[in-house]
């Protein structure tokens, strides 16, 4: 049931795209509970996915593009959440 950090990051990436199996999610959860570095990776991965999703939504609507202030705000928000 034990997985390596490399396997954990692969499953984490698959999980972000809803491609991980139930069993992989169980193994990942156990690994993230025990490994703080992989836990940080998972947190950063999730934040990046949220930011990219927001950018894609903005681009798909083509009604709003992020200006420099919005980009700075998003970067600061991301940095704050990663450090927390």
Protein backbone atom coordinates (compact mmCIF):
# COMPACT_ATOMS: atom_id res chain seq x y z
CA UNK A 1 0.00 0.00 0.00
CA UNK A 2 3.00 2.26 0.46
CA UNK A 3 3.91 4.43 -2.54
CA UNK A 4 6.94 6.57 -3.36
CA UNK A 5 6.87 10.36 -3.60
CA UNK A 6 7.18 10.10 -7.40
CA UNK A 7 4.13 7.84 -7.53
CA UNK A 8 2.28 10.22 -5.21
CA UNK A 9 2.91 13.22 -7.47
CA UNK A 10 1.75 11.24 -10.51
CA UNK A 11 -1.47 10.23 -8.75
CA UNK A 12 -1.93 13.80 -7.51
CA UNK A 13 -1.72 15.08 -11.08
CA UNK A 14 -4.14 12.40 -12.29
CA UNK A 15 -6.51 13.25 -9.46
CA UNK A 16 -6.61 16.92 -10.51
CA UNK A 17 -7.97 15.79 -13.89
CA UNK A 18 -10.31 13.20 -12.35
CA UNK A 19 -8.29 10.34 -13.87
CA UNK A 20 -7.20 8.64 -10.63
CA UNK A 21 -8.93 5.47 -9.53
CA UNK A 22 -10.52 5.09 -6.12
CA UNK A 23 -7.65 2.86 -4.96
CA UNK A 24 -5.05 5.40 -6.17
CA UNK A 25 -6.86 8.13 -4.23
CA UNK A 26 -6.76 5.99 -1.07
CA UNK A 27 -3.02 5.38 -1.47
CA UNK A 28 -2.44 9.07 -2.18
CA UNK A 29 -4.41 10.15 0.88
CA UNK A 30 -2.35 7.86 3.08
CA UNK A 31 0.89 9.11 1.57
CA UNK A 32 -0.12 12.77 1.90
CA UNK A 33 -0.96 12.19 5.56
CA UNK A 34 2.56 10.89 6.20
CA UNK A 35 4.63 13.02 3.79
CA UNK A 36 4.52 16.78 4.33
CA UNK A 37 6.51 17.56 1.17
CA UNK A 38 3.99 15.78 -1.01
CA UNK A 39 1.21 17.46 0.94
CA UNK A 40 2.70 20.83 0.00
CA UNK A 41 2.99 19.68 -3.62
CA UNK A 42 -0.68 18.69 -3.64
CA UNK A 43 -1.68 22.04 -2.16
CA UNK A 44 0.37 23.98 -4.73
CA UNK A 45 -0.95 21.79 -7.53
CA UNK A 46 -4.53 22.51 -6.51
CA UNK A 47 -3.91 26.26 -6.29
CA UNK A 48 -2.30 26.30 -9.74
CA UNK A 49 -5.26 24.40 -11.18
CA UNK A 50 -7.68 26.94 -9.68
CA UNK A 51 -5.69 29.85 -11.10
CA UNK A 52 -5.43 28.26 -14.53
CA UNK A 53 -9.17 27.52 -14.50
CA UNK A 54 -9.86 31.19 -13.74
CA UNK A 55 -7.62 32.27 -16.60
CA UNK A 56 -9.32 29.86 -19.00
CA UNK A 57 -12.74 31.14 -17.96
CA UNK A 58 -11.63 34.73 -18.52
CA UNK A 59 -10.27 33.83 -21.94
CA UNK A 60 -13.35 31.85 -22.95
CA UNK A 61 -15.67 34.75 -22.17
CA UNK A 62 -13.41 37.19 -23.99
CA UNK A 63 -15.15 39.95 -22.10
CA UNK A 64 -12.48 40.42 -19.51
CA UNK A 65 -8.74 40.16 -19.60
CA UNK A 66 -6.67 40.38 -16.48
CA UNK A 67 -4.92 43.68 -16.13
CA UNK A 68 -1.63 44.07 -14.31
CA UNK A 69 -3.28 44.81 -10.95
CA UNK A 70 -5.47 41.69 -11.21
CA UNK A 71 -2.47 39.57 -12.16
CA UNK A 72 -0.50 40.94 -9.19
CA UNK A 73 -3.45 40.29 -6.89
CA UNK A 74 -3.79 36.71 -8.15
CA UNK A 75 -0.05 36.13 -7.73
CA UNK A 76 -0.16 37.47 -4.16
CA UNK A 77 -3.23 35.35 -3.35
CA UNK A 78 -1.49 32.26 -4.68
CA UNK A 79 1.68 33.01 -2.71
CA UNK A 80 -0.34 33.57 0.48
CA UNK A 81 -2.26 30.30 0.11
CA UNK A 82 0.88 28.30 -0.64
CA UNK A 83 2.67 29.69 2.40
CA UNK A 84 -0.29 29.01 4.71
